[in-house]
Amino acid sequence: MEPAKIIVRFADGRIIRGYTQNFSPNKPTFHLRPADPKVSEETLEVLVQELKAVFFVRDFSGDPNYKEEKKYPEGVKPSGRVVEVTFKDDERIIGSTLGYDPRRPGFFIFPGDLNWNNLKIFVVSQALTRVRYIQTPFSPI
């Protein structure tokens, strides 16, 4: 299995960029090899309960000036249900999910903006203040 490029955002504001090969939404921990040796030259064990989210990314730098589209492009049919999640720090992300259950530690969302650096995001449930379903032209009646 090839390592996934991730950006780990902790609930306390810390951010670590690195690689993982064993992230699972059903496990309380995973291993992270930081991309920057100044952070650590060792592989770190990360506790999911300490996180805000895990961003699976195209690259670590992204484009800091890019403005995420908060909707799906016209004609694009998302998989699953479209949700808007609001974090405790007021960051808002819109994407689709196949498995939101507030009783689980977290869930994946797939961004509506297909040009964004984020491929998918594992959102930690306890880091949220709100999850709202959004009606789309493709939503079931």
N, C-alpha and C. Protein backbone atom coordinates (compact mmCIF):
# COMPACT_ATOMS: atom_id res chain seq x y z
N MET A 1 0.85 -1.18 0.00
CA MET A 1 0.00 0.00 0.00
C MET A 1 0.89 1.24 0.00
N GLU A 2 0.61 2.14 -0.91
CA GLU A 2 1.38 3.38 -1.01
C GLU A 2 0.94 4.35 0.10
N PRO A 3 1.90 5.06 0.71
CA PRO A 3 1.53 6.00 1.77
C PRO A 3 0.61 7.11 1.24
N ALA A 4 -0.35 7.49 2.07
CA ALA A 4 -1.25 8.58 1.73
C ALA A 4 -0.66 9.88 2.26
N LYS A 5 -0.75 10.94 1.46
CA LYS A 5 -0.34 12.28 1.89
C LYS A 5 -1.48 12.87 2.69
N ILE A 6 -1.17 13.26 3.93
CA ILE A 6 -2.22 13.81 4.78
C ILE A 6 -1.73 15.06 5.49
N ILE A 7 -2.69 15.89 5.85
CA ILE A 7 -2.44 17.00 6.75
C ILE A 7 -3.34 16.76 7.95
N VAL A 8 -2.71 16.60 9.10
CA VAL A 8 -3.43 16.31 10.33
C VAL A 8 -3.63 17.63 11.08
N ARG A 9 -4.88 17.95 11.35
CA ARG A 9 -5.20 19.17 12.11
C ARG A 9 -5.75 18.75 13.46
N PHE A 10 -5.02 19.14 14.50
CA PHE A 10 -5.41 18.82 15.87
C PHE A 10 -6.45 19.81 16.36
N ALA A 11 -7.24 19.39 17.33
CA ALA A 11 -8.27 20.27 17.90
C ALA A 11 -7.65 21.50 18.56
N ASP A 12 -6.40 21.38 19.03
CA ASP A 12 -5.74 22.52 19.68
C ASP A 12 -5.04 23.46 18.70
N GLY A 13 -5.20 23.21 17.39
CA GLY A 13 -4.65 24.11 16.38
C GLY A 13 -3.36 23.64 15.73
N ARG A 14 -2.69 22.66 16.31
CA ARG A 14 -1.45 22.16 15.69
C ARG A 14 -1.77 21.51 14.35
N ILE A 15 -0.78 21.58 13.45
CA ILE A 15 -0.91 20.98 12.12
C ILE A 15 0.38 20.22 11.83
N ILE A 16 0.24 18.98 11.36
CA ILE A 16 1.40 18.20 10.93
C ILE A 16 1.11 17.62 9.56
N ARG A 17 2.04 17.84 8.64
CA ARG A 17 1.95 17.26 7.30
C ARG A 17 2.80 15.99 7.28
N GLY A 18 2.28 14.97 6.61
CA GLY A 18 3.06 13.74 6.57
C GLY A 18 2.37 12.64 5.79
N TYR A 19 2.79 11.42 6.09
CA TYR A 19 2.32 10.25 5.36
C TYR A 19 1.80 9.19 6.34
N THR A 20 0.78 8.47 5.91
CA THR A 20 0.26 7.36 6.70
C THR A 20 -0.03 6.18 5.78
N GLN A 21 0.09 5.00 6.35
CA GLN A 21 -0.28 3.79 5.62
C GLN A 21 -1.31 2.97 6.39
N ASN A 22 -1.67 3.44 7.58
CA ASN A 22 -2.57 2.61 8.37
C ASN A 22 -3.75 3.37 8.98
N PHE A 23 -4.14 4.48 8.36
CA PHE A 23 -5.31 5.19 8.88
C PHE A 23 -6.56 4.36 8.62
N SER A 24 -7.39 4.24 9.64
CA SER A 24 -8.68 3.57 9.51
C SER A 24 -9.70 4.34 10.32
N PRO A 25 -10.88 4.61 9.77
CA PRO A 25 -11.89 5.35 10.52
C PRO A 25 -12.41 4.58 11.73
N ASN A 26 -12.10 3.29 11.82
CA ASN A 26 -12.59 2.47 12.91
C ASN A 26 -11.56 2.25 14.02
N LYS A 27 -10.38 2.84 13.87
CA LYS A 27 -9.34 2.64 14.88
C LYS A 27 -9.07 3.94 15.62
N PRO A 28 -8.73 3.85 16.91
CA PRO A 28 -8.50 5.06 17.71
C PRO A 28 -7.15 5.73 17.47
N THR A 29 -6.23 5.03 16.79
CA THR A 29 -4.90 5.60 16.52
C THR A 29 -4.46 5.24 15.12
N PHE A 30 -3.47 5.98 14.63
CA PHE A 30 -2.79 5.63 13.38
C PHE A 30 -1.39 6.20 13.45
N HIS A 31 -0.56 5.79 12.50
CA HIS A 31 0.83 6.25 12.49
C HIS A 31 1.02 7.31 11.41
N LEU A 32 1.84 8.30 11.76
CA LEU A 32 2.12 9.43 10.87
C LEU A 32 3.62 9.62 10.79
N ARG A 33 4.13 9.61 9.57
CA ARG A 33 5.55 9.93 9.34
C ARG A 33 5.60 11.36 8.85
N PRO A 34 6.05 12.30 9.71
CA PRO A 34 6.08 13.71 9.31
C PRO A 34 6.92 13.94 8.05
N ALA A 35 6.42 14.83 7.19
CA ALA A 35 7.15 15.19 5.98
C ALA A 35 8.35 16.08 6.31
N ASP A 36 8.24 16.83 7.40
CA ASP A 36 9.30 17.74 7.82
C ASP A 36 10.08 17.09 8.96
N PRO A 37 11.36 16.76 8.72
CA PRO A 37 12.15 16.12 9.79
C PRO A 37 12.35 17.00 11.01
N LYS A 38 12.10 18.32 10.88
CA LYS A 38 12.20 19.21 12.05
C LYS A 38 11.08 18.91 13.05
N VAL A 39 9.95 18.42 12.55
CA VAL A 39 8.84 18.05 13.44
C VAL A 39 9.23 16.80 14.21
N SER A 40 9.69 15.79 13.48
CA SER A 40 10.17 14.55 14.09
C SER A 40 10.77 13.68 13.00
N GLU A 41 11.83 12.99 13.34
CA GLU A 41 12.40 12.02 12.41
C GLU A 41 11.81 10.64 12.67
N GLU A 42 11.02 10.54 13.72
CA GLU A 42 10.39 9.28 14.10
C GLU A 42 8.94 9.27 13.62
N THR A 43 8.40 8.09 13.44
CA THR A 43 6.98 7.94 13.14
C THR A 43 6.20 8.21 14.42
N LEU A 44 5.15 8.99 14.30
CA LEU A 44 4.34 9.37 15.45
C LEU A 44 3.06 8.54 15.52
N GLU A 45 2.62 8.24 16.72
CA GLU A 45 1.30 7.62 16.89
C GLU A 45 0.32 8.75 17.20
N VAL A 46 -0.74 8.83 16.42
CA VAL A 46 -1.72 9.91 16.55
C VAL A 46 -3.02 9.35 17.11
N LEU A 47 -3.54 10.03 18.14
CA LEU A 47 -4.84 9.67 18.71
C LEU A 47 -5.94 10.44 17.98
N VAL A 48 -6.86 9.74 17.37
CA VAL A 48 -7.93 10.38 16.61
C VAL A 48 -8.75 11.33 17.49
N GLN A 49 -8.96 11.00 18.74
CA GLN A 49 -9.78 11.85 19.63
C GLN A 49 -9.16 13.22 19.87
N GLU A 50 -7.87 13.40 19.55
CA GLU A 50 -7.21 14.70 19.72
C GLU A 50 -7.31 15.58 18.47
N LEU A 51 -7.95 15.07 17.43
CA LEU A 51 -7.95 15.74 16.13
C LEU A 51 -9.22 16.53 15.85
N LYS A 52 -9.06 17.43 14.91
CA LYS A 52 -10.18 18.13 14.28
C LYS A 52 -10.54 17.35 13.02
N ALA A 53 -9.52 17.05 12.20
CA ALA A 53 -9.76 16.35 10.94
C ALA A 53 -8.44 15.86 10.36
N VAL A 54 -8.56 14.90 9.45
CA VAL A 54 -7.43 14.41 8.66
C VAL A 54 -7.76 14.71 7.21
N PHE A 55 -6.91 15.54 6.58
CA PHE A 55 -7.11 15.95 5.20
C PHE A 55 -6.21 15.11 4.30
N PHE A 56 -6.79 14.35 3.40
CA PHE A 56 -6.04 13.59 2.41
C PHE A 56 -5.87 14.52 1.22
N VAL A 57 -4.62 14.85 0.88
CA VAL A 57 -4.35 15.95 -0.04
C VAL A 57 -3.58 15.52 -1.29
N ARG A 58 -3.66 16.38 -2.31
CA ARG A 58 -2.87 16.18 -3.53
C ARG A 58 -1.41 16.50 -3.25
N ASP A 59 -1.18 17.64 -2.58
CA ASP A 59 0.18 18.02 -2.20
C ASP A 59 0.13 18.80 -0.89
N PHE A 60 1.29 18.96 -0.27
CA PHE A 60 1.34 19.60 1.05
C PHE A 60 1.22 21.11 1.02
N SER A 61 1.62 21.73 -0.07
CA SER A 61 1.61 23.19 -0.10
C SER A 61 0.25 23.76 -0.50
N GLY A 62 -0.42 23.14 -1.45
CA GLY A 62 -1.70 23.69 -1.91
C GLY A 62 -1.50 25.09 -2.45
N ASP A 63 -2.57 25.83 -2.55
CA ASP A 63 -2.53 27.23 -2.99
C ASP A 63 -3.22 28.05 -1.91
N PRO A 64 -2.44 28.78 -1.11
CA PRO A 64 -3.05 29.53 0.00
C PRO A 64 -4.05 30.60 -0.45
N ASN A 65 -4.01 31.00 -1.72
CA ASN A 65 -4.94 32.02 -2.22
C ASN A 65 -6.19 31.42 -2.85
N TYR A 66 -6.25 30.08 -2.94
CA TYR A 66 -7.39 29.42 -3.57
C TYR A 66 -8.63 29.55 -2.68
N LYS A 67 -9.73 29.93 -3.27
CA LYS A 67 -11.00 30.04 -2.56
C LYS A 67 -11.86 28.83 -2.91
N GLU A 68 -12.10 27.99 -1.92
CA GLU A 68 -12.90 26.78 -2.12
C GLU A 68 -14.31 27.14 -2.53
N GLU A 69 -14.81 26.45 -3.55
CA GLU A 69 -16.21 26.58 -3.95
C GLU A 69 -17.04 25.82 -2.92
N LYS A 70 -18.05 26.46 -2.39
CA LYS A 70 -18.88 25.85 -1.35
C LYS A 70 -20.11 25.16 -1.94
N LYS A 71 -19.98 24.70 -3.18
CA LYS A 71 -21.09 23.99 -3.82
C LYS A 71 -20.53 23.07 -4.90
N TYR A 72 -21.36 22.15 -5.34
CA TYR A 72 -20.97 21.26 -6.43
C TYR A 72 -21.18 21.97 -7.76
N PRO A 73 -20.30 21.74 -8.72
CA PRO A 73 -20.51 22.34 -10.03
C PRO A 73 -21.82 21.84 -10.64
N GLU A 74 -22.45 22.67 -11.43
CA GLU A 74 -23.71 22.29 -12.05
C GLU A 74 -23.52 21.02 -12.88
N GLY A 75 -24.45 20.08 -12.71
CA GLY A 75 -24.42 18.83 -13.45
C GLY A 75 -23.61 17.73 -12.79
N VAL A 76 -22.88 18.03 -11.72
CA VAL A 76 -22.10 17.01 -11.02
C VAL A 76 -22.98 16.38 -9.95
N LYS A 77 -23.12 15.06 -10.04
CA LYS A 77 -23.95 14.35 -9.07
C LYS A 77 -23.05 13.75 -8.00
N PRO A 78 -23.16 14.25 -6.77
CA PRO A 78 -22.31 13.71 -5.69
C PRO A 78 -22.75 12.32 -5.26
N SER A 79 -21.80 11.55 -4.76
CA SER A 79 -22.12 10.25 -4.17
C SER A 79 -22.55 10.48 -2.74
N GLY A 80 -23.61 9.85 -2.33
CA GLY A 80 -24.07 10.02 -0.96
C GLY A 80 -24.88 11.29 -0.78
N ARG A 81 -24.93 11.75 0.46
CA ARG A 81 -25.69 12.96 0.79
C ARG A 81 -24.74 14.13 0.97
N VAL A 82 -25.19 15.30 0.54
CA VAL A 82 -24.39 16.51 0.67
C VAL A 82 -24.62 17.09 2.06
N VAL A 83 -23.50 17.41 2.73
CA VAL A 83 -23.56 17.98 4.07
C VAL A 83 -22.69 19.22 4.16
N GLU A 84 -23.06 20.07 5.09
CA GLU A 84 -22.21 21.18 5.49
C GLU A 84 -21.82 20.89 6.92
N VAL A 85 -20.51 20.81 7.17
CA VAL A 85 -20.04 20.61 8.54
C VAL A 85 -19.44 21.91 9.04
N THR A 86 -19.72 22.22 10.30
CA THR A 86 -19.16 23.41 10.94
C THR A 86 -18.36 22.94 12.15
N PHE A 87 -17.09 23.32 12.14
CA PHE A 87 -16.20 22.94 13.24
C PHE A 87 -16.34 23.93 14.39
N LYS A 88 -15.82 23.55 15.54
CA LYS A 88 -15.86 24.40 16.72
C LYS A 88 -15.12 25.72 16.51
N ASP A 89 -14.14 25.73 15.57
CA ASP A 89 -13.41 26.97 15.28
C ASP A 89 -14.10 27.78 14.17
N ASP A 90 -15.33 27.40 13.81
CA ASP A 90 -16.18 28.05 12.81
C ASP A 90 -15.78 27.77 11.35
N GLU A 91 -14.79 26.94 11.11
CA GLU A 91 -14.50 26.56 9.72
C GLU A 91 -15.68 25.72 9.22
N ARG A 92 -16.02 25.96 7.95
CA ARG A 92 -17.16 25.28 7.32
C ARG A 92 -16.67 24.56 6.08
N ILE A 93 -17.09 23.32 5.90
CA ILE A 93 -16.75 22.54 4.71
C ILE A 93 -18.02 21.91 4.18
N ILE A 94 -18.16 21.92 2.87
CA ILE A 94 -19.29 21.27 2.21
C ILE A 94 -18.76 20.12 1.37
N GLY A 95 -19.43 18.99 1.48
CA GLY A 95 -19.03 17.83 0.70
C GLY A 95 -20.10 16.76 0.82
N SER A 96 -19.82 15.62 0.24
CA SER A 96 -20.78 14.52 0.32
C SER A 96 -20.24 13.44 1.25
N THR A 97 -21.15 12.72 1.86
CA THR A 97 -20.76 11.64 2.75
C THR A 97 -21.63 10.42 2.50
N LEU A 98 -21.04 9.27 2.70
CA LEU A 98 -21.78 8.02 2.58
C LEU A 98 -22.13 7.43 3.93
N GLY A 99 -21.54 8.01 5.00
CA GLY A 99 -21.73 7.34 6.28
C GLY A 99 -21.71 8.21 7.50
N TYR A 100 -22.47 9.29 7.53
CA TYR A 100 -22.51 10.10 8.75
C TYR A 100 -23.39 9.43 9.79
N ASP A 101 -22.81 9.24 10.96
CA ASP A 101 -23.54 8.73 12.11
C ASP A 101 -22.93 9.44 13.32
N PRO A 102 -23.69 10.29 14.01
CA PRO A 102 -23.13 11.07 15.11
C PRO A 102 -22.58 10.22 16.26
N ARG A 103 -22.93 8.95 16.30
CA ARG A 103 -22.43 8.07 17.36
C ARG A 103 -21.04 7.52 17.05
N ARG A 104 -20.59 7.69 15.82
CA ARG A 104 -19.25 7.21 15.45
C ARG A 104 -18.22 8.31 15.72
N PRO A 105 -16.95 7.91 15.87
CA PRO A 105 -15.91 8.91 16.14
C PRO A 105 -15.71 9.92 15.02
N GLY A 106 -16.07 9.54 13.80
CA GLY A 106 -15.91 10.45 12.67
C GLY A 106 -16.45 9.85 11.40
N PHE A 107 -16.28 10.60 10.30
CA PHE A 107 -16.78 10.15 9.01
C PHE A 107 -16.03 10.89 7.90
N PHE A 108 -16.06 10.31 6.72
CA PHE A 108 -15.42 10.93 5.57
C PHE A 108 -16.39 11.84 4.84
N ILE A 109 -15.87 12.96 4.36
CA ILE A 109 -16.60 13.77 3.40
C ILE A 109 -15.71 13.97 2.19
N PHE A 110 -16.35 14.07 1.05
CA PHE A 110 -15.67 14.27 -0.23
C PHE A 110 -16.06 15.65 -0.73
N PRO A 111 -15.08 16.55 -0.83
CA PRO A 111 -15.39 17.95 -1.17
C PRO A 111 -16.13 18.10 -2.49
N GLY A 112 -17.00 19.10 -2.52
CA GLY A 112 -17.73 19.42 -3.74
C GLY A 112 -16.85 20.12 -4.76
N ASP A 113 -15.83 20.81 -4.29
CA ASP A 113 -14.91 21.53 -5.19
C ASP A 113 -13.86 20.55 -5.69
N LEU A 114 -14.02 20.11 -6.92
CA LEU A 114 -13.14 19.09 -7.49
C LEU A 114 -11.73 19.61 -7.79
N ASN A 115 -11.52 20.91 -7.74
CA ASN A 115 -10.21 21.50 -7.99
C ASN A 115 -9.45 21.81 -6.71
N TRP A 116 -10.07 21.57 -5.58
CA TRP A 116 -9.46 21.85 -4.29
C TRP A 116 -8.34 20.86 -4.02
N ASN A 117 -7.40 21.21 -3.19
CA ASN A 117 -6.28 20.34 -2.85
C ASN A 117 -6.71 19.12 -2.05
N ASN A 118 -7.81 19.20 -1.34
CA ASN A 118 -8.29 18.09 -0.52
C ASN A 118 -9.04 17.07 -1.36
N LEU A 119 -8.61 15.81 -1.27
CA LEU A 119 -9.27 14.72 -1.99
C LEU A 119 -10.44 14.16 -1.17
N LYS A 120 -10.19 14.00 0.11
CA LYS A 120 -11.23 13.56 1.05
C LYS A 120 -10.78 14.01 2.43
N ILE A 121 -11.75 14.08 3.34
CA ILE A 121 -11.47 14.59 4.68
C ILE A 121 -12.16 13.66 5.68
N PHE A 122 -11.37 13.19 6.65
CA PHE A 122 -11.98 12.47 7.77
C PHE A 122 -12.25 13.49 8.85
N VAL A 123 -13.52 13.71 9.13
CA VAL A 123 -13.96 14.72 10.09
C VAL A 123 -14.19 14.02 11.43
N VAL A 124 -13.59 14.53 12.49
CA VAL A 124 -13.78 13.97 13.82
C VAL A 124 -15.05 14.58 14.42
N SER A 125 -15.99 13.73 14.77
CA SER A 125 -17.31 14.18 15.22
C SER A 125 -17.26 15.14 16.41
N GLN A 126 -16.39 14.88 17.37
CA GLN A 126 -16.35 15.74 18.57
C GLN A 126 -15.77 17.12 18.28
N ALA A 127 -15.21 17.34 17.10
CA ALA A 127 -14.66 18.65 16.72
C ALA A 127 -15.71 19.52 16.03
N LEU A 128 -16.93 19.00 15.87
CA LEU A 128 -17.99 19.71 15.16
C LEU A 128 -19.00 20.35 16.09
N THR A 129 -19.57 21.45 15.60
CA THR A 129 -20.71 22.03 16.31
C THR A 129 -22.01 21.75 15.55
N ARG A 130 -21.87 21.44 14.24
CA ARG A 130 -23.08 21.26 13.45
C ARG A 130 -22.80 20.42 12.20
N VAL A 131 -23.78 19.58 11.86
CA VAL A 131 -23.80 18.87 10.59
C VAL A 131 -25.18 19.12 10.00
N ARG A 132 -25.20 19.66 8.80
CA ARG A 132 -26.48 20.01 8.18
C ARG A 132 -26.54 19.39 6.79
N TYR A 133 -27.64 18.68 6.51
CA TYR A 133 -27.84 18.13 5.16
C TYR A 133 -28.29 19.26 4.24
N ILE A 134 -27.77 19.23 3.03
CA ILE A 134 -28.08 20.27 2.05
C ILE A 134 -28.85 19.65 0.90
N GLN A 135 -29.92 20.29 0.55
CA GLN A 135 -30.75 19.83 -0.57
C GLN A 135 -30.04 20.19 -1.88
N THR A 136 -29.93 19.23 -2.78
CA THR A 136 -29.35 19.46 -4.11
C THR A 136 -30.36 18.99 -5.14
N PRO A 137 -30.13 19.37 -6.40
CA PRO A 137 -31.05 18.87 -7.44
C PRO A 137 -31.08 17.35 -7.51
N PHE A 138 -30.04 16.68 -6.95
CA PHE A 138 -29.96 15.24 -7.01
C PHE A 138 -30.39 14.56 -5.72
N SER A 139 -30.77 15.37 -4.70
CA SER A 139 -31.19 14.80 -3.41
C SER A 139 -32.46 14.00 -3.60
N PRO A 140 -32.59 12.89 -2.84
CA PRO A 140 -33.85 12.14 -2.91
C PRO A 140 -35.00 12.96 -2.34
N ILE A 141 -36.19 12.72 -2.86
CA ILE A 141 -37.37 13.48 -2.41
C ILE A 141 -37.83 12.97 -1.07
